[in-house]
Amino acid sequence: MNETNVRSYEGCTNFNAAKILKQYINEKFPEIAVLMHMDRDYKTDDEIKSIEGKFLKENIRIFFTRGTDIESHYMNVNHINAIHPEISVELAGNLIEEAYKPLIVEAVKSLRKKTFGDKHSEKLSHADEYIKNLPKQEPLKYVQGKAMYNALKQLVKNNTTGKINARIHMKSPHIADVFLVNYAKEIWKA
């Protein structure tokens, strides 16, 4: 990881900006591998595939988060248990559920805005039941990760001896992402 340099750039959702940035880096430093990161942000699987295809066509690798943002990756019962062994896997599952349940209403609002736009987000549609059920069926994908992460941190703290600060941001093998692991092996020939 010493060779890794993480940079943020304006317009991360702007494909042309990513394309120009990649071209510049490869012209100056052809040995450098470039990986773009993009939050899922309520994108459908089809939208993700379309964006990936566009980037891959330009030889740009892109990583999408499992949920709305990177914090959703910490919502893993085995990870919580590994970092805080006093919290069982079962309790970790209950805490994750407790963290996301109050956030489902906001997830539905965000999905409605994405689907219908700000102006029509309150408009009734044949898709209402479907939209209402998405965050219930796949909360770790559709509930806002940052809010869920903050709620879970407090719940973990409340369930640890001495109420120590939750360390759910720490690394464990349970939050490893298959795409990123494979990409690391590819570029570091591990």
C-alpha atoms as a PDB file:
ATOM      1  CA  MET A   1       0.000   0.000   0.000  1.00  0.00           C
ATOM      2  CA  ASN A   2       2.989   2.322   0.221  1.00  0.00           C
ATOM      3  CA  GLU A   3       2.764   2.758  -3.546  1.00  0.00           C
ATOM      4  CA  THR A   4      -0.881   3.804  -3.314  1.00  0.00           C
ATOM      5  CA  ASN A   5      -1.873   7.419  -3.642  1.00  0.00           C
ATOM      6  CA  VAL A   6      -5.517   8.375  -3.228  1.00  0.00           C
ATOM      7  CA  ARG A   7      -6.626  11.576  -4.933  1.00  0.00           C
ATOM      8  CA  SER A   8      -9.970  13.237  -5.160  1.00  0.00           C
ATOM      9  CA  TYR A   9     -10.908  15.216  -8.231  1.00  0.00           C
ATOM     10  CA  GLU A  10     -13.774  17.544  -9.005  1.00  0.00           C
ATOM     11  CA  GLY A  11     -16.523  16.140 -11.110  1.00  0.00           C
ATOM     12  CA  CYS A  12     -16.023  12.508 -10.108  1.00  0.00           C
ATOM     13  CA  THR A  13     -19.298  11.654 -11.847  1.00  0.00           C
ATOM     14  CA  ASN A  14     -18.109  13.417 -15.003  1.00  0.00           C
ATOM     15  CA  PHE A  15     -16.885  10.727 -17.378  1.00  0.00           C
ATOM     16  CA  ASN A  16     -14.939  13.143 -19.585  1.00  0.00           C
ATOM     17  CA  ALA A  17     -13.053  14.542 -16.575  1.00  0.00           C
ATOM     18  CA  ALA A  18     -12.087  10.991 -15.546  1.00  0.00           C
ATOM     19  CA  LYS A  19     -11.003  10.185 -19.096  1.00  0.00           C
ATOM     20  CA  ILE A  20      -8.800  13.296 -19.311  1.00  0.00           C
ATOM     21  CA  LEU A  21      -7.320  12.667 -15.867  1.00  0.00           C
ATOM     22  CA  LYS A  22      -6.460   9.060 -16.782  1.00  0.00           C
ATOM     23  CA  GLN A  23      -4.889  10.137 -20.087  1.00  0.00           C
ATOM     24  CA  TYR A  24      -2.776  12.772 -18.321  1.00  0.00           C
ATOM     25  CA  ILE A  25      -1.555  10.345 -15.651  1.00  0.00           C
ATOM     26  CA  ASN A  26      -0.730   7.650 -18.215  1.00  0.00           C
ATOM     27  CA  GLU A  27       1.143  10.122 -20.446  1.00  0.00           C
ATOM     28  CA  LYS A  28       3.286  11.349 -17.542  1.00  0.00           C
ATOM     29  CA  PHE A  29       3.569   8.059 -15.641  1.00  0.00           C
ATOM     30  CA  PRO A  30       2.725   5.090 -17.893  1.00  0.00           C
ATOM     31  CA  GLU A  31       3.599   2.561 -15.182  1.00  0.00           C
ATOM     32  CA  ILE A  32       0.872   3.848 -12.859  1.00  0.00           C
ATOM     33  CA  ALA A  33      -2.410   1.951 -12.597  1.00  0.00           C
ATOM     34  CA  VAL A  34      -5.458   4.161 -12.198  1.00  0.00           C
ATOM     35  CA  LEU A  35      -8.623   3.069 -10.437  1.00  0.00           C
ATOM     36  CA  MET A  36     -11.664   5.319 -10.184  1.00  0.00           C
ATOM     37  CA  HIS A  37     -14.055   5.034  -7.245  1.00  0.00           C
ATOM     38  CA  MET A  38     -17.703   5.971  -7.460  1.00  0.00           C
ATOM     39  CA  ASP A  39     -20.400   5.735  -4.818  1.00  0.00           C
ATOM     40  CA  ARG A  40     -23.397   3.643  -5.810  1.00  0.00           C
ATOM     41  CA  ASP A  41     -25.759   6.457  -4.735  1.00  0.00           C
ATOM     42  CA  TYR A  42     -28.995   4.581  -5.529  1.00  0.00           C
ATOM     43  CA  LYS A  43     -27.824   3.515  -8.989  1.00  0.00           C
ATOM     44  CA  THR A  44     -29.451   0.358 -10.297  1.00  0.00           C
ATOM     45  CA  ASP A  45     -27.360  -2.651 -11.294  1.00  0.00           C
ATOM     46  CA  ASP A  46     -28.096  -1.823 -14.951  1.00  0.00           C
ATOM     47  CA  GLU A  47     -26.881   1.767 -14.465  1.00  0.00           C
ATOM     48  CA  ILE A  48     -23.706   0.448 -12.818  1.00  0.00           C
ATOM     49  CA  LYS A  49     -23.078  -1.941 -15.733  1.00  0.00           C
ATOM     50  CA  SER A  50     -23.619   0.875 -18.226  1.00  0.00           C
ATOM     51  CA  ILE A  51     -21.172   3.187 -16.425  1.00  0.00           C
ATOM     52  CA  GLU A  52     -18.627   0.371 -16.053  1.00  0.00           C
ATOM     53  CA  GLY A  53     -18.886  -0.362 -19.772  1.00  0.00           C
ATOM     54  CA  LYS A  54     -18.279   3.269 -20.650  1.00  0.00           C
ATOM     55  CA  PHE A  55     -15.202   3.444 -18.400  1.00  0.00           C
ATOM     56  CA  LEU A  56     -13.823   0.041 -19.494  1.00  0.00           C
ATOM     57  CA  LYS A  57     -14.124   1.100 -23.139  1.00  0.00           C
ATOM     58  CA  GLU A  58     -11.558   3.803 -22.278  1.00  0.00           C
ATOM     59  CA  ASN A  59      -9.467   1.298 -20.294  1.00  0.00           C
ATOM     60  CA  ILE A  60     -10.451   2.895 -16.981  1.00  0.00           C
ATOM     61  CA  ARG A  61     -11.134   0.524 -14.098  1.00  0.00           C
ATOM     62  CA  ILE A  62     -13.883   1.667 -11.739  1.00  0.00           C
ATOM     63  CA  PHE A  63     -14.908   0.503  -8.287  1.00  0.00           C
ATOM     64  CA  PHE A  64     -18.475   0.971  -7.037  1.00  0.00           C
ATOM     65  CA  THR A  65     -19.428   0.736  -3.389  1.00  0.00           C
ATOM     66  CA  ARG A  66     -21.830  -2.020  -2.334  1.00  0.00           C
ATOM     67  CA  GLY A  67     -24.222   0.493  -0.784  1.00  0.00           C
ATOM     68  CA  THR A  68     -24.804   4.193  -1.289  1.00  0.00           C
ATOM     69  CA  ASP A  69     -21.269   5.005  -0.130  1.00  0.00           C
ATOM     70  CA  ILE A  70     -18.099   3.445   1.288  1.00  0.00           C
ATOM     71  CA  GLU A  71     -19.394   3.418   4.870  1.00  0.00           C
ATOM     72  CA  SER A  72     -21.879   0.708   3.892  1.00  0.00           C
ATOM     73  CA  HIS A  73     -18.948  -1.733   3.685  1.00  0.00           C
ATOM     74  CA  TYR A  74     -18.594  -1.587   7.478  1.00  0.00           C
ATOM     75  CA  MET A  75     -22.109  -3.005   7.961  1.00  0.00           C
ATOM     76  CA  ASN A  76     -20.856  -6.554   8.296  1.00  0.00           C
ATOM     77  CA  VAL A  77     -21.605  -8.751  11.318  1.00  0.00           C
ATOM     78  CA  ASN A  78     -18.318 -10.654  11.114  1.00  0.00           C
ATOM     79  CA  HIS A  79     -16.376  -7.401  10.838  1.00  0.00           C
ATOM     80  CA  ILE A  80     -18.080  -5.929  13.921  1.00  0.00           C
ATOM     81  CA  ASN A  81     -17.392  -9.133  15.850  1.00  0.00           C
ATOM     82  CA  ALA A  82     -13.736  -9.208  14.723  1.00  0.00           C
ATOM     83  CA  ILE A  83     -13.130  -5.608  15.806  1.00  0.00           C
ATOM     84  CA  HIS A  84     -15.226  -5.883  18.979  1.00  0.00           C
ATOM     85  CA  PRO A  85     -15.106  -9.576  20.053  1.00  0.00           C
ATOM     86  CA  GLU A  86     -17.392  -8.857  23.014  1.00  0.00           C
ATOM     87  CA  ILE A  87     -20.180  -8.253  20.471  1.00  0.00           C
ATOM     88  CA  SER A  88     -21.439 -11.574  19.121  1.00  0.00           C
ATOM     89  CA  VAL A  89     -22.274 -12.026  15.444  1.00  0.00           C
ATOM     90  CA  GLU A  90     -25.951 -12.260  16.419  1.00  0.00           C
ATOM     91  CA  LEU A  91     -25.824  -9.024  18.437  1.00  0.00           C
ATOM     92  CA  ALA A  92     -23.928  -7.312  15.587  1.00  0.00           C
ATOM     93  CA  GLY A  93     -26.788  -8.266  13.235  1.00  0.00           C
ATOM     94  CA  ASN A  94     -29.330  -6.835  15.649  1.00  0.00           C
ATOM     95  CA  LEU A  95     -27.313  -3.607  15.997  1.00  0.00           C
ATOM     96  CA  ILE A  96     -26.993  -3.209  12.227  1.00  0.00           C
ATOM     97  CA  GLU A  97     -30.752  -3.674  11.884  1.00  0.00           C
ATOM     98  CA  GLU A  98     -31.353  -1.171  14.678  1.00  0.00           C
ATOM     99  CA  ALA A  99     -29.041   1.272  12.876  1.00  0.00           C
ATOM    100  CA  TYR A 100     -30.788   1.097   9.509  1.00  0.00           C
ATOM    101  CA  LYS A 101     -34.487   0.740  10.409  1.00  0.00           C
ATOM    102  CA  PRO A 102     -35.044   4.440  11.279  1.00  0.00           C
ATOM    103  CA  LEU A 103     -33.289   5.414   8.046  1.00  0.00           C
ATOM    104  CA  ILE A 104     -35.579   3.501   5.686  1.00  0.00           C
ATOM    105  CA  VAL A 105     -38.011   6.429   5.352  1.00  0.00           C
ATOM    106  CA  GLU A 106     -35.176   8.701   4.149  1.00  0.00           C
ATOM    107  CA  ALA A 107     -33.978   5.988   1.751  1.00  0.00           C
ATOM    108  CA  VAL A 108     -37.459   5.823   0.206  1.00  0.00           C
ATOM    109  CA  LYS A 109     -37.490   9.629  -0.186  1.00  0.00           C
ATOM    110  CA  SER A 110     -34.067   9.525  -1.881  1.00  0.00           C
ATOM    111  CA  LEU A 111     -35.178   6.743  -4.226  1.00  0.00           C
ATOM    112  CA  ARG A 112     -38.323   8.698  -5.122  1.00  0.00           C
ATOM    113  CA  LYS A 113     -36.232  11.808  -5.889  1.00  0.00           C
ATOM    114  CA  LYS A 114     -33.900   9.751  -8.070  1.00  0.00           C
ATOM    115  CA  THR A 115     -36.794   8.092  -9.874  1.00  0.00           C
ATOM    116  CA  PHE A 116     -39.141  11.056 -10.315  1.00  0.00           C
ATOM    117  CA  GLY A 117     -36.920  14.115  -9.783  1.00  0.00           C
ATOM    118  CA  ASP A 118     -37.224  16.723  -7.031  1.00  0.00           C
ATOM    119  CA  LYS A 119     -40.265  18.345  -8.594  1.00  0.00           C
ATOM    120  CA  HIS A 120     -42.319  15.131  -8.749  1.00  0.00           C
ATOM    121  CA  SER A 121     -40.913  13.146  -5.821  1.00  0.00           C
ATOM    122  CA  GLU A 122     -44.293  13.202  -4.015  1.00  0.00           C
ATOM    123  CA  LYS A 123     -46.266  12.150  -7.068  1.00  0.00           C
ATOM    124  CA  LEU A 124     -48.012   8.774  -6.765  1.00  0.00           C
ATOM    125  CA  SER A 125     -47.043   6.114  -9.254  1.00  0.00           C
ATOM    126  CA  HIS A 126     -47.490   2.439 -10.040  1.00  0.00           C
ATOM    127  CA  ALA A 127     -43.898   2.044  -8.785  1.00  0.00           C
ATOM    128  CA  ASP A 128     -44.655   3.270  -5.233  1.00  0.00           C
ATOM    129  CA  GLU A 129     -44.830  -0.154  -3.577  1.00  0.00           C
ATOM    130  CA  TYR A 130     -41.707  -1.281  -5.384  1.00  0.00           C
ATOM    131  CA  ILE A 131     -39.777   1.820  -4.257  1.00  0.00           C
ATOM    132  CA  LYS A 132     -41.034   1.496  -0.670  1.00  0.00           C
ATOM    133  CA  ASN A 133     -39.905  -2.131  -0.508  1.00  0.00           C
ATOM    134  CA  LEU A 134     -36.398  -1.754  -1.971  1.00  0.00           C
ATOM    135  CA  PRO A 135     -34.765  -0.379   1.209  1.00  0.00           C
ATOM    136  CA  LYS A 136     -36.579  -2.985   3.309  1.00  0.00           C
ATOM    137  CA  GLN A 137     -35.414  -5.828   1.069  1.00  0.00           C
ATOM    138  CA  GLU A 138     -31.826  -4.605   0.649  1.00  0.00           C
ATOM    139  CA  PRO A 139     -31.139  -2.031   3.381  1.00  0.00           C
ATOM    140  CA  LEU A 140     -27.358  -2.234   3.101  1.00  0.00           C
ATOM    141  CA  LYS A 141     -27.639  -1.264  -0.568  1.00  0.00           C
ATOM    142  CA  TYR A 142     -30.237   1.499  -0.321  1.00  0.00           C
ATOM    143  CA  VAL A 143     -30.007   3.049   3.154  1.00  0.00           C
ATOM    144  CA  GLN A 144     -27.582   5.974   3.313  1.00  0.00           C
ATOM    145  CA  GLY A 145     -24.277   4.473   4.483  1.00  0.00           C
ATOM    146  CA  LYS A 146     -22.875   7.484   6.364  1.00  0.00           C
ATOM    147  CA  ALA A 147     -25.991   7.818   8.515  1.00  0.00           C
ATOM    148  CA  MET A 148     -26.114   4.071   9.128  1.00  0.00           C
ATOM    149  CA  TYR A 149     -22.390   4.046  10.017  1.00  0.00           C
ATOM    150  CA  ASN A 150     -22.836   6.856  12.566  1.00  0.00           C
ATOM    151  CA  ALA A 151     -25.859   5.173  14.131  1.00  0.00           C
ATOM    152  CA  LEU A 152     -24.031   1.828  14.309  1.00  0.00           C
ATOM    153  CA  LYS A 153     -20.965   3.416  15.916  1.00  0.00           C
ATOM    154  CA  GLN A 154     -23.140   4.711  18.762  1.00  0.00           C
ATOM    155  CA  LEU A 155     -24.928   1.373  19.163  1.00  0.00           C
ATOM    156  CA  VAL A 156     -21.631  -0.531  19.244  1.00  0.00           C
ATOM    157  CA  LYS A 157     -20.258   1.906  21.822  1.00  0.00           C
ATOM    158  CA  ASN A 158     -23.336   1.404  23.993  1.00  0.00           C
ATOM    159  CA  ASN A 159     -22.833  -2.374  23.840  1.00  0.00           C
ATOM    160  CA  THR A 160     -19.149  -2.551  24.743  1.00  0.00           C
ATOM    161  CA  THR A 161     -17.629  -2.867  28.181  1.00  0.00           C
ATOM    162  CA  GLY A 162     -16.697   0.565  29.459  1.00  0.00           C
ATOM    163  CA  LYS A 163     -18.576   2.114  26.528  1.00  0.00           C
ATOM    164  CA  ILE A 164     -15.349   2.492  24.545  1.00  0.00           C
ATOM    165  CA  ASN A 165     -15.398   4.289  21.211  1.00  0.00           C
ATOM    166  CA  ALA A 166     -16.522   2.013  18.429  1.00  0.00           C
ATOM    167  CA  ARG A 167     -13.677   1.134  16.107  1.00  0.00           C
ATOM    168  CA  ILE A 168     -15.754  -0.084  13.204  1.00  0.00           C
ATOM    169  CA  HIS A 169     -13.603   1.945  10.801  1.00  0.00           C
ATOM    170  CA  MET A 170     -10.679  -0.419  11.502  1.00  0.00           C
ATOM    171  CA  LYS A 171      -9.709  -2.996   8.912  1.00  0.00           C
ATOM    172  CA  SER A 172     -10.560  -6.656   9.091  1.00  0.00           C
ATOM    173  CA  PRO A 173     -10.600  -9.370   6.429  1.00  0.00           C
ATOM    174  CA  HIS A 174     -14.401  -9.275   6.525  1.00  0.00           C
ATOM    175  CA  ILE A 175     -14.666  -5.939   4.726  1.00  0.00           C
ATOM    176  CA  ALA A 176     -12.311  -6.902   1.914  1.00  0.00           C
ATOM    177  CA  ASP A 177     -13.924  -6.307  -1.457  1.00  0.00           C
ATOM    178  CA  VAL A 178     -13.360  -9.056  -4.050  1.00  0.00           C
ATOM    179  CA  PHE A 179     -12.961  -6.568  -6.914  1.00  0.00           C
ATOM    180  CA  LEU A 180     -10.346  -4.546  -5.020  1.00  0.00           C
ATOM    181  CA  VAL A 181      -8.492  -7.646  -3.800  1.00  0.00           C
ATOM    182  CA  ASN A 182      -8.282  -8.982  -7.355  1.00  0.00           C
ATOM    183  CA  TYR A 183      -7.217  -5.591  -8.717  1.00  0.00           C
ATOM    184  CA  ALA A 184      -4.469  -5.344  -6.079  1.00  0.00           C
ATOM    185  CA  LYS A 185      -3.203  -8.816  -7.053  1.00  0.00           C
ATOM    186  CA  GLU A 186      -3.219  -7.787 -10.687  1.00  0.00           C
ATOM    187  CA  ILE A 187      -1.226  -4.585 -10.258  1.00  0.00           C
ATOM    188  CA  TRP A 188       1.149  -5.886  -7.569  1.00  0.00           C
ATOM    189  CA  LYS A 189       1.443  -9.343  -9.125  1.00  0.00           C
ATOM    190  CA  ALA A 190       0.744 -10.891  -5.724  1.00  0.00           C
END
